[in-house]
Protein backbone atom coordinates (compact mmCIF):
# COMPACT_ATOMS: atom_id res chain seq x y z
CA UNK A 1 51.22 -62.52 -67.66
CA UNK A 2 48.24 -60.83 -65.94
CA UNK A 3 48.76 -57.19 -64.57
CA UNK A 4 46.71 -54.87 -62.58
CA UNK A 5 44.12 -57.05 -61.49
CA UNK A 6 43.67 -55.74 -58.13
CA UNK A 7 42.64 -52.08 -56.93
CA UNK A 8 45.74 -49.82 -57.40
CA UNK A 9 47.21 -46.44 -58.48
CA UNK A 10 50.01 -46.76 -60.80
CA UNK A 11 53.49 -47.31 -59.14
CA UNK A 12 52.51 -45.12 -56.08
CA UNK A 13 55.73 -46.79 -54.59
CA UNK A 14 57.81 -44.20 -56.52
CA UNK A 15 58.82 -41.01 -54.71
CA UNK A 16 57.43 -39.28 -57.58
CA UNK A 17 54.32 -41.73 -58.78
CA UNK A 18 53.15 -41.27 -62.45
CA UNK A 19 50.86 -38.31 -63.08
CA UNK A 20 48.65 -40.51 -65.40
CA UNK A 21 48.63 -43.39 -67.59
CA UNK A 22 47.58 -43.89 -71.41
CA UNK A 23 46.59 -47.01 -72.81
CA UNK A 24 45.97 -47.98 -76.32
CA UNK A 25 44.42 -51.42 -77.05
CA UNK A 26 44.84 -53.13 -80.33
CA UNK A 27 43.52 -56.69 -79.66
CA UNK A 28 40.62 -57.32 -76.79
CA UNK A 29 38.62 -60.34 -75.99
CA UNK A 30 35.13 -60.62 -77.39
CA UNK A 31 33.58 -60.55 -74.04
CA UNK A 32 35.19 -59.37 -70.60
CA UNK A 33 38.34 -57.46 -70.06
CA UNK A 34 36.76 -54.30 -68.67
CA UNK A 35 38.64 -51.74 -66.46
CA UNK A 36 37.00 -50.52 -63.29
CA UNK A 37 37.73 -47.09 -62.05
CA UNK A 38 36.94 -45.51 -58.79
CA UNK A 39 36.91 -41.70 -58.10
CA UNK A 40 39.04 -41.06 -54.82
CA UNK A 41 37.51 -37.55 -54.70
CA UNK A 42 34.08 -39.23 -54.01
CA UNK A 43 35.60 -41.76 -51.84
CA UNK A 44 37.23 -39.11 -49.65
CA UNK A 45 34.07 -36.81 -49.90
CA UNK A 46 32.00 -39.60 -48.62
CA UNK A 47 33.83 -40.22 -45.44
CA UNK A 48 32.61 -38.84 -41.86
CA UNK A 49 34.47 -35.35 -40.84
CA UNK A 50 36.13 -37.13 -37.94
CA UNK A 51 37.55 -39.96 -40.14
CA UNK A 52 38.92 -37.26 -42.51
CA UNK A 53 40.49 -35.50 -39.51
CA UNK A 54 41.99 -38.78 -38.31
CA UNK A 55 43.25 -39.54 -41.90
CA UNK A 56 44.71 -36.05 -42.44
CA UNK A 57 47.57 -36.41 -40.09
CA UNK A 58 48.86 -40.09 -41.37
CA UNK A 59 51.50 -40.99 -43.72
CA UNK A 60 51.29 -44.60 -45.60
CA UNK A 61 54.15 -46.50 -46.72
CA UNK A 62 54.06 -47.83 -50.19
CA UNK A 63 56.21 -50.79 -51.50
CA UNK A 64 56.63 -52.26 -54.75
CA UNK A 65 58.07 -55.48 -53.31
CA UNK A 66 54.40 -57.36 -53.16
CA UNK A 67 53.93 -56.41 -56.92
CA UNK A 68 57.40 -56.94 -58.25
CA UNK A 69 58.84 -59.95 -56.49
CA UNK A 70 59.20 -62.75 -59.08
CA UNK A 71 57.49 -60.95 -61.70
CA UNK A 72 60.47 -58.94 -63.37
CA UNK A 73 63.67 -60.38 -63.53
CA UNK A 74 65.42 -57.14 -63.64
CA UNK A 75 63.93 -55.80 -60.65
CA UNK A 76 64.71 -57.03 -56.98
CA UNK A 77 66.53 -60.37 -58.15
CA UNK A 78 69.10 -61.40 -55.64
CA UNK A 79 72.50 -61.96 -57.10
CA UNK A 80 76.08 -62.48 -55.85
CA UNK A 81 78.74 -59.99 -55.45
CA UNK A 82 82.47 -60.61 -56.37
CA UNK A 83 83.07 -62.15 -53.04
CA UNK A 84 80.29 -64.65 -53.30
CA UNK A 85 77.98 -63.26 -50.65
CA UNK A 86 74.33 -62.95 -51.30
CA UNK A 87 73.02 -59.38 -51.83
CA UNK A 88 69.83 -58.23 -50.56
CA UNK A 89 67.02 -57.51 -52.99
CA UNK A 90 66.01 -53.87 -53.69
CA UNK A 91 62.28 -52.58 -54.24
CA UNK A 92 61.04 -49.03 -54.38
CA UNK A 93 59.39 -47.74 -51.11
CA UNK A 94 58.16 -44.59 -50.55
CA UNK A 95 56.05 -42.76 -48.04
CA UNK A 96 53.16 -40.34 -49.07
CA UNK A 97 50.28 -38.86 -47.01
CA UNK A 98 46.74 -40.59 -46.75
CA UNK A 99 45.26 -37.92 -48.18
CA UNK A 100 46.35 -36.30 -51.35
CA UNK A 101 45.83 -32.52 -52.46
CA UNK A 102 45.51 -32.44 -56.64
CA UNK A 103 47.99 -29.97 -57.77
CA UNK A 104 45.56 -28.71 -60.36
CA UNK A 105 42.20 -28.84 -58.75
CA UNK A 106 43.10 -28.28 -55.29
CA UNK A 107 40.67 -31.15 -54.41
CA UNK A 108 41.40 -33.65 -51.63
CA UNK A 109 41.48 -37.56 -52.63
CA UNK A 110 42.31 -40.65 -50.66
CA UNK A 111 45.69 -41.92 -51.60
CA UNK A 112 46.05 -45.41 -50.35
CA UNK A 113 45.59 -48.68 -52.45
CA UNK A 114 45.53 -52.60 -51.97
CA UNK A 115 48.37 -52.98 -54.55
CA UNK A 116 51.13 -50.89 -53.18
CA UNK A 117 50.30 -49.61 -49.47
CA UNK A 118 51.51 -51.82 -46.74
CA UNK A 119 50.87 -49.87 -43.66
CA UNK A 120 50.36 -46.82 -41.97
CA UNK A 121 53.68 -45.14 -40.20
CA UNK A 122 52.09 -43.71 -37.26
CA UNK A 123 49.96 -46.56 -36.05
CA UNK A 124 50.57 -50.01 -34.47
CA UNK A 125 50.32 -52.73 -36.84
CA UNK A 126 46.81 -54.05 -35.81
CA UNK A 127 45.47 -50.33 -36.03
CA UNK A 128 47.30 -49.81 -39.25
CA UNK A 129 45.68 -52.85 -40.91
CA UNK A 130 42.32 -52.24 -39.89
CA UNK A 131 42.27 -48.61 -41.15
CA UNK A 132 43.72 -49.66 -44.46
CA UNK A 133 41.17 -52.67 -44.70
CA UNK A 134 38.20 -50.23 -44.20
CA UNK A 135 39.57 -48.14 -46.67
CA UNK A 136 40.45 -50.67 -49.34
CA UNK A 137 36.99 -51.91 -49.02
CA UNK A 138 35.47 -48.40 -49.05
CA UNK A 139 36.83 -47.41 -52.20
CA UNK A 140 35.00 -50.19 -53.79
CA UNK A 141 31.73 -48.80 -53.29
CA UNK A 142 29.47 -49.03 -56.60
CA UNK A 143 28.55 -45.10 -56.27
CA UNK A 144 32.41 -44.20 -56.78
CA UNK A 145 33.04 -46.30 -59.47
CA UNK A 146 32.51 -46.83 -63.13
CA UNK A 147 33.50 -49.33 -66.07
CA UNK A 148 35.18 -48.66 -69.15
CA UNK A 149 34.51 -51.17 -72.01
CA UNK A 150 37.12 -51.80 -74.29
CA UNK A 151 36.84 -52.00 -78.07
CA UNK A 152 39.30 -52.45 -80.53
CA UNK A 153 41.67 -49.39 -80.70
CA UNK A 154 40.13 -47.92 -77.71
CA UNK A 155 42.08 -45.32 -75.98
CA UNK A 156 41.82 -44.42 -72.11
CA UNK A 157 43.76 -41.76 -70.26
CA UNK A 158 43.28 -41.29 -66.53
CA UNK A 159 44.58 -39.29 -63.56
CA UNK A 160 46.50 -41.61 -60.88
CA UNK A 161 46.28 -38.61 -58.65
CA UNK A 162 42.38 -39.01 -57.99
CA UNK A 163 41.53 -42.50 -59.19
CA UNK A 164 42.26 -45.98 -59.01
CA UNK A 165 41.69 -48.81 -61.42
CA UNK A 166 41.25 -52.53 -61.67
CA UNK A 167 41.77 -54.43 -64.97
CA UNK A 168 39.30 -57.22 -64.47
CA UNK A 169 40.70 -60.73 -65.85
CA UNK A 170 37.58 -62.80 -66.93
CA UNK A 171 38.60 -63.35 -70.42
CA UNK A 172 41.08 -66.27 -70.38
CA UNK A 173 42.24 -67.66 -72.77
CA UNK A 174 41.53 -64.65 -74.87
CA UNK A 175 44.30 -61.92 -75.07
CA UNK A 176 44.41 -58.27 -74.49
CA UNK A 177 47.00 -56.38 -75.91
CA UNK A 178 48.25 -52.96 -76.87
CA UNK A 179 50.62 -50.07 -76.03
CA UNK A 180 51.04 -47.98 -72.92
CA UNK A 181 52.34 -44.58 -71.87
CA UNK A 182 53.22 -43.45 -68.51
CA UNK A 183 53.15 -39.70 -67.90
CA UNK A 184 55.56 -38.41 -65.37
CA UNK A 185 54.25 -37.05 -62.25
CA UNK A 186 55.09 -35.31 -58.88
CA UNK A 187 55.75 -36.24 -55.29
CA UNK A 188 52.39 -36.34 -53.65
CA UNK A 189 51.27 -33.91 -50.83
CA UNK A 190 48.56 -32.73 -48.81
CA UNK A 191 47.89 -29.12 -48.16
CA UNK A 192 44.77 -28.44 -46.10
CA UNK A 193 43.79 -26.38 -42.95
CA UNK A 194 43.99 -28.01 -39.75
CA UNK A 195 40.97 -30.04 -38.50
CA UNK A 196 41.14 -27.62 -35.42
CA UNK A 197 40.56 -24.59 -37.85
CA UNK A 198 37.84 -26.40 -39.50
CA UNK A 199 35.95 -27.09 -36.25
CA UNK A 200 36.62 -23.47 -35.36
CA UNK A 201 35.13 -21.91 -38.58
CA UNK A 202 32.07 -24.24 -38.20
CA UNK A 203 31.43 -23.32 -34.72
CA UNK A 204 31.90 -19.31 -35.82
């Protein structure tokens, strides 16, 4: 099974997404299998001030269905009740601010990703998709990214609150395997002065 070969922040569909992840690989392919990381600090800071103000008012919906349906047999599988009726599948869905304040650094980061973010709550569907498409493409710019080249017994520890990552699957039929630890996180929040305050301060 191939996992993570798309830009994402781990399990952002949870109410309290993981703080970070630690991955230790015992077996790696001779070539390929790198993991790409993108800084959501840098992606946010590269946006224009009007765009930052626009995004500051928005909420994104994150759903696990598009990732989990059909992949894990114990998550979201339809079954029958004792009366024989089909029960609807359930997948984790959460709402988080489009911009996120890091609780330790105080810096602002983008917090939408192609893996889990389905739409923006306050916008009509077409506008929501247009903004998300722009942001999903924006975070992939080379100046925000780096590539981690795995070696046998390499360990990587990343912060899901300010990064996204992409596990490049370019090594078939070789294998990449090891152990992963997920670090418990907190509910995302955005804490900043309003854009009107920022504009007023700039004028003064």
